[in-house]
């Protein structure tokens, strides 16, 4: 009975030492008599009991590593309190086991020194503007050294940049001054645009008024021309009708009568003026001679 129990215990120990189940995204390093012999892949694996042993176990997933906060000095001698987070992944389990005694601490220390070196090349304002560049340079510096440790650095992110209180106060004043400057510039641009709009409006109004006055003058001139033309046409029509009437029977006598009446009217108007001295011809035949001369002129124009 005791022998059976002993055999059972030995069998359990044997199975425990020989059968290994490796989880997914894990890598186990096997040593045989203290020497590296292989890497166990995920799933069921068999070992030689008491000869082979699992020396190291590595997680192959992406691992976030918090980088402790530290003081960095910029190119313009300003202190910054900087902390960040780094993401890495084990890509070579054998190198991760034998390349460094503690690759996590090595990555953390290298991240801090690389960050101080990168920030030391930049001025204070650039450290806030070029975070992506800082992150990329830190990753490049760490990744080159981490290859020997079987680790791949995926990315680095700065969580916070904290300058001293005096610098923060000065930056706040600078931001306030910049905003006031922008406000003044915006106000002046508004006034400038207002003046431009007013001047443009006045110019367009003046042009419109001048165009209206010009059109009014043109219209007036055209109206006067048309009026003169209409009077001339009416006068010509009247003259034509008078000339046509003279050629009719009794027309000449009517003209003589009208001329005589005009002459008598003219003499009567002159006689009514007390300040005018009227000389009446002694021979009235001269009046008839005047009428005869007028009739000859009418006949000459008619012919």
C-alpha atoms as a PDB file:
ATOM      1  CA  UNK A   1       0.000   0.000   0.000  1.00  0.00           C
ATOM      2  CA  UNK A   2       2.731   2.398   0.910  1.00  0.00           C
ATOM      3  CA  UNK A   3       4.597   1.483  -2.263  1.00  0.00           C
ATOM      4  CA  UNK A   4       1.493   2.316  -4.316  1.00  0.00           C
ATOM      5  CA  UNK A   5       1.210   5.708  -2.643  1.00  0.00           C
ATOM      6  CA  UNK A   6       4.864   6.405  -3.299  1.00  0.00           C
ATOM      7  CA  UNK A   7       4.512   5.395  -6.943  1.00  0.00           C
ATOM      8  CA  UNK A   8       1.471   7.651  -7.283  1.00  0.00           C
ATOM      9  CA  UNK A   9       3.322  10.599  -5.813  1.00  0.00           C
ATOM     10  CA  UNK A  10       6.285   9.945  -8.111  1.00  0.00           C
ATOM     11  CA  UNK A  11       3.936   9.743 -11.098  1.00  0.00           C
ATOM     12  CA  UNK A  12       2.311  13.056 -10.174  1.00  0.00           C
ATOM     13  CA  UNK A  13       5.699  14.712  -9.790  1.00  0.00           C
ATOM     14  CA  UNK A  14       6.849  13.200 -13.068  1.00  0.00           C
ATOM     15  CA  UNK A  15       3.785  14.474 -14.937  1.00  0.00           C
ATOM     16  CA  UNK A  16       4.071  17.884 -13.335  1.00  0.00           C
ATOM     17  CA  UNK A  17       7.685  18.198 -14.359  1.00  0.00           C
ATOM     18  CA  UNK A  18       7.244  16.820 -17.873  1.00  0.00           C
ATOM     19  CA  UNK A  19       3.966  18.351 -19.078  1.00  0.00           C
ATOM     20  CA  UNK A  20       3.720  22.145 -19.529  1.00  0.00           C
ATOM     21  CA  UNK A  21       0.762  24.093 -20.947  1.00  0.00           C
ATOM     22  CA  UNK A  22       1.806  27.519 -22.230  1.00  0.00           C
ATOM     23  CA  UNK A  23      -0.958  30.198 -22.550  1.00  0.00           C
ATOM     24  CA  UNK A  24      -1.486  32.189 -25.743  1.00  0.00           C
ATOM     25  CA  UNK A  25       0.783  35.247 -26.195  1.00  0.00           C
ATOM     26  CA  UNK A  26       3.338  33.823 -23.767  1.00  0.00           C
ATOM     27  CA  UNK A  27       6.828  32.443 -24.331  1.00  0.00           C
ATOM     28  CA  UNK A  28       8.659  30.193 -21.823  1.00  0.00           C
ATOM     29  CA  UNK A  29      12.425  29.685 -21.893  1.00  0.00           C
ATOM     30  CA  UNK A  30      13.614  26.129 -21.262  1.00  0.00           C
ATOM     31  CA  UNK A  31      17.075  25.305 -19.901  1.00  0.00           C
ATOM     32  CA  UNK A  32      18.553  21.836 -19.911  1.00  0.00           C
ATOM     33  CA  UNK A  33      21.068  21.341 -17.160  1.00  0.00           C
ATOM     34  CA  UNK A  34      21.474  25.130 -16.969  1.00  0.00           C
ATOM     35  CA  UNK A  35      21.873  25.694 -20.706  1.00  0.00           C
ATOM     36  CA  UNK A  36      19.349  27.323 -23.011  1.00  0.00           C
ATOM     37  CA  UNK A  37      17.634  24.677 -25.081  1.00  0.00           C
ATOM     38  CA  UNK A  38      14.508  26.254 -26.569  1.00  0.00           C
ATOM     39  CA  UNK A  39      11.355  28.317 -26.279  1.00  0.00           C
ATOM     40  CA  UNK A  40       8.033  26.687 -25.499  1.00  0.00           C
ATOM     41  CA  UNK A  41       5.247  27.806 -27.863  1.00  0.00           C
ATOM     42  CA  UNK A  42       1.623  28.225 -26.694  1.00  0.00           C
ATOM     43  CA  UNK A  43      -0.153  24.933 -26.102  1.00  0.00           C
ATOM     44  CA  UNK A  44       0.884  21.541 -24.715  1.00  0.00           C
ATOM     45  CA  UNK A  45       4.627  20.905 -24.336  1.00  0.00           C
ATOM     46  CA  UNK A  46       6.667  18.000 -22.870  1.00  0.00           C
ATOM     47  CA  UNK A  47       9.929  18.260 -20.917  1.00  0.00           C
ATOM     48  CA  UNK A  48      12.413  15.809 -19.492  1.00  0.00           C
ATOM     49  CA  UNK A  49      11.754  15.741 -15.755  1.00  0.00           C
ATOM     50  CA  UNK A  50      14.559  16.915 -13.488  1.00  0.00           C
ATOM     51  CA  UNK A  51      16.660  17.703 -16.563  1.00  0.00           C
ATOM     52  CA  UNK A  52      14.677  20.459 -18.275  1.00  0.00           C
ATOM     53  CA  UNK A  53      13.224  23.409 -16.415  1.00  0.00           C
ATOM     54  CA  UNK A  54      11.355  26.577 -17.271  1.00  0.00           C
ATOM     55  CA  UNK A  55      13.828  29.354 -16.482  1.00  0.00           C
ATOM     56  CA  UNK A  56      11.944  32.472 -17.722  1.00  0.00           C
ATOM     57  CA  UNK A  57       8.384  33.349 -18.632  1.00  0.00           C
ATOM     58  CA  UNK A  58       7.639  36.311 -20.922  1.00  0.00           C
ATOM     59  CA  UNK A  59       4.424  38.057 -21.901  1.00  0.00           C
ATOM     60  CA  UNK A  60       4.305  38.838 -25.625  1.00  0.00           C
ATOM     61  CA  UNK A  61       1.483  41.369 -25.415  1.00  0.00           C
ATOM     62  CA  UNK A  62       1.982  45.139 -25.652  1.00  0.00           C
ATOM     63  CA  UNK A  63       2.901  46.404 -22.203  1.00  0.00           C
ATOM     64  CA  UNK A  64       2.434  50.004 -20.957  1.00  0.00           C
ATOM     65  CA  UNK A  65       5.278  51.229 -18.759  1.00  0.00           C
ATOM     66  CA  UNK A  66       4.866  54.379 -16.685  1.00  0.00           C
ATOM     67  CA  UNK A  67       8.018  56.517 -16.795  1.00  0.00           C
ATOM     68  CA  UNK A  68       8.653  58.343 -13.497  1.00  0.00           C
ATOM     69  CA  UNK A  69       8.441  62.133 -13.479  1.00  0.00           C
ATOM     70  CA  UNK A  70      11.745  63.954 -13.820  1.00  0.00           C
ATOM     71  CA  UNK A  71      13.170  67.453 -14.206  1.00  0.00           C
ATOM     72  CA  UNK A  72      14.486  68.355 -17.670  1.00  0.00           C
ATOM     73  CA  UNK A  73      16.327  71.538 -18.654  1.00  0.00           C
ATOM     74  CA  UNK A  74      15.552  73.145 -22.006  1.00  0.00           C
ATOM     75  CA  UNK A  75      17.978  74.875 -24.360  1.00  0.00           C
ATOM     76  CA  UNK A  76      17.092  78.268 -22.862  1.00  0.00           C
ATOM     77  CA  UNK A  77      17.813  76.983 -19.318  1.00  0.00           C
ATOM     78  CA  UNK A  78      14.218  76.502 -18.190  1.00  0.00           C
ATOM     79  CA  UNK A  79      13.311  73.611 -15.912  1.00  0.00           C
ATOM     80  CA  UNK A  80      10.427  71.365 -16.879  1.00  0.00           C
ATOM     81  CA  UNK A  81       8.769  68.628 -14.855  1.00  0.00           C
ATOM     82  CA  UNK A  82       8.086  65.875 -17.386  1.00  0.00           C
ATOM     83  CA  UNK A  83       6.415  62.509 -17.069  1.00  0.00           C
ATOM     84  CA  UNK A  84       5.335  60.069 -19.729  1.00  0.00           C
ATOM     85  CA  UNK A  85       4.296  56.544 -20.602  1.00  0.00           C
ATOM     86  CA  UNK A  86       6.054  54.043 -22.847  1.00  0.00           C
ATOM     87  CA  UNK A  87       4.607  51.061 -24.721  1.00  0.00           C
ATOM     88  CA  UNK A  88       6.824  48.104 -25.538  1.00  0.00           C
ATOM     89  CA  UNK A  89       6.547  44.475 -26.589  1.00  0.00           C
ATOM     90  CA  UNK A  90       8.842  41.452 -26.193  1.00  0.00           C
ATOM     91  CA  UNK A  91       9.749  40.212 -29.668  1.00  0.00           C
ATOM     92  CA  UNK A  92      12.652  37.831 -28.834  1.00  0.00           C
ATOM     93  CA  UNK A  93      12.134  35.794 -25.675  1.00  0.00           C
ATOM     94  CA  UNK A  94      15.699  34.425 -25.666  1.00  0.00           C
ATOM     95  CA  UNK A  95      17.293  37.919 -25.812  1.00  0.00           C
ATOM     96  CA  UNK A  96      14.819  39.223 -23.270  1.00  0.00           C
ATOM     97  CA  UNK A  97      16.016  36.454 -20.911  1.00  0.00           C
ATOM     98  CA  UNK A  98      19.761  36.727 -21.427  1.00  0.00           C
ATOM     99  CA  UNK A  99      20.311  40.189 -22.969  1.00  0.00           C
ATOM    100  CA  UNK A 100      19.577  42.137 -19.804  1.00  0.00           C
ATOM    101  CA  UNK A 101      19.120  41.257 -16.175  1.00  0.00           C
ATOM    102  CA  UNK A 102      16.093  43.577 -16.009  1.00  0.00           C
ATOM    103  CA  UNK A 103      14.989  44.954 -19.362  1.00  0.00           C
ATOM    104  CA  UNK A 104      12.031  46.833 -17.855  1.00  0.00           C
ATOM    105  CA  UNK A 105      14.272  48.903 -15.610  1.00  0.00           C
ATOM    106  CA  UNK A 106      16.735  49.348 -18.478  1.00  0.00           C
ATOM    107  CA  UNK A 107      13.994  50.677 -20.774  1.00  0.00           C
ATOM    108  CA  UNK A 108      12.720  53.032 -18.070  1.00  0.00           C
ATOM    109  CA  UNK A 109      16.149  54.490 -17.369  1.00  0.00           C
ATOM    110  CA  UNK A 110      16.963  54.826 -21.057  1.00  0.00           C
ATOM    111  CA  UNK A 111      13.648  56.595 -21.670  1.00  0.00           C
ATOM    112  CA  UNK A 112      14.455  59.152 -18.975  1.00  0.00           C
ATOM    113  CA  UNK A 113      17.960  59.881 -20.263  1.00  0.00           C
ATOM    114  CA  UNK A 114      16.763  60.073 -23.876  1.00  0.00           C
ATOM    115  CA  UNK A 115      13.988  62.458 -22.912  1.00  0.00           C
ATOM    116  CA  UNK A 116      16.412  64.757 -21.086  1.00  0.00           C
ATOM    117  CA  UNK A 117      18.701  64.751 -24.121  1.00  0.00           C
ATOM    118  CA  UNK A 118      15.904  65.581 -26.586  1.00  0.00           C
ATOM    119  CA  UNK A 119      14.381  68.357 -24.466  1.00  0.00           C
ATOM    120  CA  UNK A 120      17.832  69.846 -23.859  1.00  0.00           C
ATOM    121  CA  UNK A 121      18.039  70.577 -27.601  1.00  0.00           C
ATOM    122  CA  UNK A 122      14.766  72.527 -27.683  1.00  0.00           C
ATOM    123  CA  UNK A 123      13.634  75.871 -26.353  1.00  0.00           C
ATOM    124  CA  UNK A 124      10.707  76.110 -23.946  1.00  0.00           C
ATOM    125  CA  UNK A 125       8.107  77.143 -26.521  1.00  0.00           C
ATOM    126  CA  UNK A 126       9.156  74.354 -28.885  1.00  0.00           C
ATOM    127  CA  UNK A 127       8.675  71.684 -26.213  1.00  0.00           C
ATOM    128  CA  UNK A 128       4.946  72.473 -26.146  1.00  0.00           C
ATOM    129  CA  UNK A 129       4.624  72.720 -29.921  1.00  0.00           C
ATOM    130  CA  UNK A 130       6.671  69.664 -30.947  1.00  0.00           C
ATOM    131  CA  UNK A 131       5.497  66.868 -28.684  1.00  0.00           C
ATOM    132  CA  UNK A 132       5.201  64.475 -31.599  1.00  0.00           C
ATOM    133  CA  UNK A 133       8.814  65.135 -32.584  1.00  0.00           C
ATOM    134  CA  UNK A 134       9.971  64.583 -28.992  1.00  0.00           C
ATOM    135  CA  UNK A 135       8.032  61.326 -28.769  1.00  0.00           C
ATOM    136  CA  UNK A 136       9.457  60.065 -32.061  1.00  0.00           C
ATOM    137  CA  UNK A 137      13.053  60.897 -31.103  1.00  0.00           C
ATOM    138  CA  UNK A 138      12.715  59.175 -27.713  1.00  0.00           C
ATOM    139  CA  UNK A 139      11.295  56.055 -29.370  1.00  0.00           C
ATOM    140  CA  UNK A 140      14.118  55.995 -31.931  1.00  0.00           C
ATOM    141  CA  UNK A 141      16.785  56.338 -29.228  1.00  0.00           C
ATOM    142  CA  UNK A 142      15.304  53.587 -27.012  1.00  0.00           C
ATOM    143  CA  UNK A 143      14.429  51.218 -29.832  1.00  0.00           C
ATOM    144  CA  UNK A 144      18.006  51.126 -31.119  1.00  0.00           C
ATOM    145  CA  UNK A 145      19.368  49.993 -27.746  1.00  0.00           C
ATOM    146  CA  UNK A 146      16.412  47.723 -26.914  1.00  0.00           C
ATOM    147  CA  UNK A 147      17.081  45.447 -29.905  1.00  0.00           C
ATOM    148  CA  UNK A 148      19.768  43.658 -27.901  1.00  0.00           C
ATOM    149  CA  UNK A 149      17.228  43.070 -25.155  1.00  0.00           C
ATOM    150  CA  UNK A 150      14.679  41.392 -27.431  1.00  0.00           C
ATOM    151  CA  UNK A 151      12.233  44.260 -26.893  1.00  0.00           C
ATOM    152  CA  UNK A 152      10.487  46.475 -29.432  1.00  0.00           C
ATOM    153  CA  UNK A 153       9.537  49.993 -28.267  1.00  0.00           C
ATOM    154  CA  UNK A 154       6.264  50.857 -29.990  1.00  0.00           C
ATOM    155  CA  UNK A 155       5.626  54.453 -28.879  1.00  0.00           C
ATOM    156  CA  UNK A 156       6.255  56.993 -26.176  1.00  0.00           C
ATOM    157  CA  UNK A 157       3.801  59.655 -25.032  1.00  0.00           C
ATOM    158  CA  UNK A 158       4.446  62.684 -22.840  1.00  0.00           C
ATOM    159  CA  UNK A 159       1.661  62.874 -20.293  1.00  0.00           C
ATOM    160  CA  UNK A 160       2.470  66.239 -18.788  1.00  0.00           C
ATOM    161  CA  UNK A 161       4.880  69.153 -19.133  1.00  0.00           C
ATOM    162  CA  UNK A 162       4.931  71.392 -16.077  1.00  0.00           C
ATOM    163  CA  UNK A 163       7.148  74.508 -16.056  1.00  0.00           C
ATOM    164  CA  UNK A 164       7.861  76.469 -12.844  1.00  0.00           C
ATOM    165  CA  UNK A 165       5.198  78.831 -11.456  1.00  0.00           C
ATOM    166  CA  UNK A 166       7.142  81.909 -12.550  1.00  0.00           C
ATOM    167  CA  UNK A 167       7.273  80.629 -16.117  1.00  0.00           C
ATOM    168  CA  UNK A 168       3.574  79.771 -16.035  1.00  0.00           C
ATOM    169  CA  UNK A 169       2.751  83.301 -14.862  1.00  0.00           C
ATOM    170  CA  UNK A 170       4.934  84.831 -17.589  1.00  0.00           C
ATOM    171  CA  UNK A 171       3.329  82.578 -20.205  1.00  0.00           C
ATOM    172  CA  UNK A 172      -0.118  83.620 -19.001  1.00  0.00           C
ATOM    173  CA  UNK A 173       0.839  87.278 -19.329  1.00  0.00           C
ATOM    174  CA  UNK A 174       2.194  86.627 -22.797  1.00  0.00           C
ATOM    175  CA  UNK A 175      -1.020  84.898 -23.837  1.00  0.00           C
ATOM    176  CA  UNK A 176      -3.083  87.778 -22.430  1.00  0.00           C
ATOM    177  CA  UNK A 177      -0.953  90.332 -24.273  1.00  0.00           C
ATOM    178  CA  UNK A 178      -1.236  88.332 -27.483  1.00  0.00           C
ATOM    179  CA  UNK A 179      -5.015  88.182 -27.173  1.00  0.00           C
ATOM    180  CA  UNK A 180      -5.207  91.929 -26.504  1.00  0.00           C
ATOM    181  CA  UNK A 181      -3.003  92.519 -29.530  1.00  0.00           C
ATOM    182  CA  UNK A 182      -5.279  90.393 -31.691  1.00  0.00           C
ATOM    183  CA  UNK A 183      -8.312  92.259 -30.356  1.00  0.00           C
ATOM    184  CA  UNK A 184      -6.729  95.634 -31.214  1.00  0.00           C
ATOM    185  CA  UNK A 185      -5.764  94.411 -34.664  1.00  0.00           C
ATOM    186  CA  UNK A 186      -9.266  93.088 -35.240  1.00  0.00           C
ATOM    187  CA  UNK A 187     -10.783  96.413 -34.094  1.00  0.00           C
ATOM    188  CA  UNK A 188      -8.459  98.429 -36.344  1.00  0.00           C
ATOM    189  CA  UNK A 189      -9.216  96.139 -39.277  1.00  0.00           C
ATOM    190  CA  UNK A 190     -12.902  96.663 -38.584  1.00  0.00           C
ATOM    191  CA  UNK A 191     -12.506 100.446 -38.565  1.00  0.00           C
ATOM    192  CA  UNK A 192     -10.401 100.283 -41.722  1.00  0.00           C
ATOM    193  CA  UNK A 193     -13.013  98.185 -43.473  1.00  0.00           C
ATOM    194  CA  UNK A 194     -15.708 100.578 -42.257  1.00  0.00           C
ATOM    195  CA  UNK A 195     -13.866 103.562 -43.743  1.00  0.00           C
ATOM    196  CA  UNK A 196     -13.349 101.672 -46.997  1.00  0.00           C
ATOM    197  CA  UNK A 197     -17.038 100.807 -47.151  1.00  0.00           C
ATOM    198  CA  UNK A 198     -18.052 104.429 -46.461  1.00  0.00           C
ATOM    199  CA  UNK A 199     -15.652 105.771 -49.105  1.00  0.00           C
ATOM    200  CA  UNK A 200     -16.836 103.178 -51.599  1.00  0.00           C
ATOM    201  CA  UNK A 201     -20.451 104.063 -50.893  1.00  0.00           C
ATOM    202  CA  UNK A 202     -19.807 107.792 -51.299  1.00  0.00           C
ATOM    203  CA  UNK A 203     -17.912 107.221 -54.547  1.00  0.00           C
ATOM    204  CA  UNK A 204     -20.683 105.048 -55.947  1.00  0.00           C
ATOM    205  CA  UNK A 205     -23.311 107.610 -54.834  1.00  0.00           C
ATOM    206  CA  UNK A 206     -21.345 110.447 -56.496  1.00  0.00           C
ATOM    207  CA  UNK A 207     -21.029 108.425 -59.703  1.00  0.00           C
ATOM    208  CA  UNK A 208     -24.724 107.652 -59.613  1.00  0.00           C
ATOM    209  CA  UNK A 209     -25.599 111.353 -59.072  1.00  0.00           C
ATOM    210  CA  UNK A 210     -23.277 112.478 -61.869  1.00  0.00           C
ATOM    211  CA  UNK A 211     -24.702 109.843 -64.183  1.00  0.00           C
ATOM    212  CA  UNK A 212     -28.195 111.069 -63.296  1.00  0.00           C
ATOM    213  CA  UNK A 213     -27.265 114.723 -63.902  1.00  0.00           C
ATOM    214  CA  UNK A 214     -25.597 113.778 -67.177  1.00  0.00           C
ATOM    215  CA  UNK A 215     -28.682 111.904 -68.307  1.00  0.00           C
ATOM    216  CA  UNK A 216     -30.891 114.840 -67.240  1.00  0.00           C
ATOM    217  CA  UNK A 217     -28.808 117.274 -69.322  1.00  0.00           C
ATOM    218  CA  UNK A 218     -28.938 114.891 -72.280  1.00  0.00           C
ATOM    219  CA  UNK A 219     -32.677 114.504 -71.923  1.00  0.00           C
ATOM    220  CA  UNK A 220     -33.140 118.312 -71.641  1.00  0.00           C
ATOM    221  CA  UNK A 221     -30.994 118.942 -74.727  1.00  0.00           C
ATOM    222  CA  UNK A 222     -32.869 116.294 -76.652  1.00  0.00           C
ATOM    223  CA  UNK A 223     -36.159 117.867 -75.548  1.00  0.00           C
ATOM    224  CA  UNK A 224     -35.056 121.366 -76.605  1.00  0.00           C
ATOM    225  CA  UNK A 225     -33.809 120.031 -79.936  1.00  0.00           C
ATOM    226  CA  UNK A 226     -37.059 118.252 -80.541  1.00  0.00           C
ATOM    227  CA  UNK A 227     -38.962 121.431 -79.518  1.00  0.00           C
ATOM    228  CA  UNK A 228     -36.937 123.607 -81.919  1.00  0.00           C
ATOM    229  CA  UNK A 229     -37.417 121.037 -84.650  1.00  0.00           C
ATOM    230  CA  UNK A 230     -41.154 120.951 -84.011  1.00  0.00           C
ATOM    231  CA  UNK A 231     -41.366 124.801 -84.111  1.00  0.00           C
ATOM    232  CA  UNK A 232     -39.354 124.876 -87.326  1.00  0.00           C
ATOM    233  CA  UNK A 233     -41.544 122.241 -88.876  1.00  0.00           C
ATOM    234  CA  UNK A 234     -44.693 124.118 -87.785  1.00  0.00           C
ATOM    235  CA  UNK A 235     -43.283 127.414 -89.105  1.00  0.00           C
ATOM    236  CA  UNK A 236     -42.370 125.805 -92.412  1.00  0.00           C
ATOM    237  CA  UNK A 237     -45.803 124.250 -92.645  1.00  0.00           C
ATOM    238  CA  UNK A 238     -47.434 127.620 -91.925  1.00  0.00           C
ATOM    239  CA  UNK A 239     -45.292 129.358 -94.529  1.00  0.00           C
ATOM    240  CA  UNK A 240     -46.126 126.686 -97.075  1.00  0.00           C
ATOM    241  CA  UNK A 241     -49.820 127.094 -96.361  1.00  0.00           C
ATOM    242  CA  UNK A 242     -49.568 130.917 -96.588  1.00  0.00           C
ATOM    243  CA  UNK A 243     -47.715 130.621 -99.883  1.00  0.00           C
ATOM    244  CA  UNK A 244     -50.342 128.200-101.137  1.00  0.00           C
ATOM    245  CA  UNK A 245     -53.096 130.559-100.028  1.00  0.00           C
ATOM    246  CA  UNK A 246     -51.479 133.512-101.906  1.00  0.00           C
ATOM    247  CA  UNK A 247     -51.685 131.606-105.181  1.00  0.00           C
ATOM    248  CA  UNK A 248     -55.417 131.249-104.759  1.00  0.00           C
ATOM    249  CA  UNK A 249     -57.793 133.861-106.302  1.00  0.00           C
ATOM    250  CA  UNK A 250     -57.828 136.973-104.108  1.00  0.00           C
ATOM    251  CA  UNK A 251     -54.684 135.884-102.220  1.00  0.00           C
ATOM    252  CA  UNK A 252     -52.575 138.848-103.313  1.00  0.00           C
ATOM    253  CA  UNK A 253     -55.279 141.301-102.261  1.00  0.00           C
ATOM    254  CA  UNK A 254     -55.492 139.607 -98.885  1.00  0.00           C
ATOM    255  CA  UNK A 255     -51.720 139.920 -98.420  1.00  0.00           C
ATOM    256  CA  UNK A 256     -51.840 143.592 -99.394  1.00  0.00           C
ATOM    257  CA  UNK A 257     -54.628 144.137 -96.919  1.00  0.00           C
ATOM    258  CA  UNK A 258     -52.727 142.366 -94.169  1.00  0.00           C
ATOM    259  CA  UNK A 259     -49.529 144.341 -94.861  1.00  0.00           C
ATOM    260  CA  UNK A 260     -51.507 147.582 -94.803  1.00  0.00           C
ATOM    261  CA  UNK A 261     -53.112 146.611 -91.522  1.00  0.00           C
ATOM    262  CA  UNK A 262     -49.683 145.763 -90.022  1.00  0.00           C
ATOM    263  CA  UNK A 263     -48.347 149.126 -91.164  1.00  0.00           C
ATOM    264  CA  UNK A 264     -51.303 150.990 -89.659  1.00  0.00           C
ATOM    265  CA  UNK A 265     -50.930 149.012 -86.407  1.00  0.00           C
ATOM    266  CA  UNK A 266     -47.250 149.837 -86.276  1.00  0.00           C
ATOM    267  CA  UNK A 267     -47.918 153.549 -86.782  1.00  0.00           C
ATOM    268  CA  UNK A 268     -50.645 153.472 -84.144  1.00  0.00           C
ATOM    269  CA  UNK A 269     -48.346 151.812 -81.575  1.00  0.00           C
ATOM    270  CA  UNK A 270     -45.624 154.340 -82.229  1.00  0.00           C
ATOM    271  CA  UNK A 271     -48.106 157.193 -81.928  1.00  0.00           C
ATOM    272  CA  UNK A 272     -49.283 155.935 -78.532  1.00  0.00           C
ATOM    273  CA  UNK A 273     -45.791 156.327 -77.081  1.00  0.00           C
ATOM    274  CA  UNK A 274     -45.538 159.906 -75.719  1.00  0.00           C
ATOM    275  CA  UNK A 275     -41.741 159.875 -75.789  1.00  0.00           C
ATOM    276  CA  UNK A 276     -41.581 158.970 -79.475  1.00  0.00           C
ATOM    277  CA  UNK A 277     -41.621 161.574 -82.226  1.00  0.00           C
ATOM    278  CA  UNK A 278     -43.692 160.379 -85.193  1.00  0.00           C
ATOM    279  CA  UNK A 279     -42.978 161.706 -88.669  1.00  0.00           C
ATOM    280  CA  UNK A 280     -45.903 161.048 -90.990  1.00  0.00           C
ATOM    281  CA  UNK A 281     -45.205 161.074 -94.724  1.00  0.00           C
ATOM    282  CA  UNK A 282     -46.750 164.105 -96.443  1.00  0.00           C
ATOM    283  CA  UNK A 283     -47.551 162.055 -99.467  1.00  0.00           C
ATOM    284  CA  UNK A 284     -49.593 158.924 -98.624  1.00  0.00           C
ATOM    285  CA  UNK A 285     -48.537 157.445-101.932  1.00  0.00           C
ATOM    286  CA  UNK A 286     -45.317 156.558-100.202  1.00  0.00           C
ATOM    287  CA  UNK A 287     -47.302 154.176 -98.030  1.00  0.00           C
ATOM    288  CA  UNK A 288     -48.730 152.488-101.043  1.00  0.00           C
ATOM    289  CA  UNK A 289     -45.227 152.319-102.481  1.00  0.00           C
ATOM    290  CA  UNK A 290     -44.098 150.581 -99.283  1.00  0.00           C
ATOM    291  CA  UNK A 291     -46.913 148.073 -99.620  1.00  0.00           C
ATOM    292  CA  UNK A 292     -46.027 147.509-103.280  1.00  0.00           C
ATOM    293  CA  UNK A 293     -42.405 146.805-102.300  1.00  0.00           C
ATOM    294  CA  UNK A 294     -43.519 144.278 -99.700  1.00  0.00           C
ATOM    295  CA  UNK A 295     -45.729 142.522-102.244  1.00  0.00           C
ATOM    296  CA  UNK A 296     -42.821 142.295-104.683  1.00  0.00           C
ATOM    297  CA  UNK A 297     -40.718 140.650-101.998  1.00  0.00           C
ATOM    298  CA  UNK A 298     -43.490 138.150-101.314  1.00  0.00           C
ATOM    299  CA  UNK A 299     -43.773 137.343-105.012  1.00  0.00           C
ATOM    300  CA  UNK A 300     -40.000 137.004-105.319  1.00  0.00           C
ATOM    301  CA  UNK A 301     -39.836 134.528-102.427  1.00  0.00           C
ATOM    302  CA  UNK A 302     -42.789 132.623-103.861  1.00  0.00           C
ATOM    303  CA  UNK A 303     -41.098 132.237-107.263  1.00  0.00           C
END
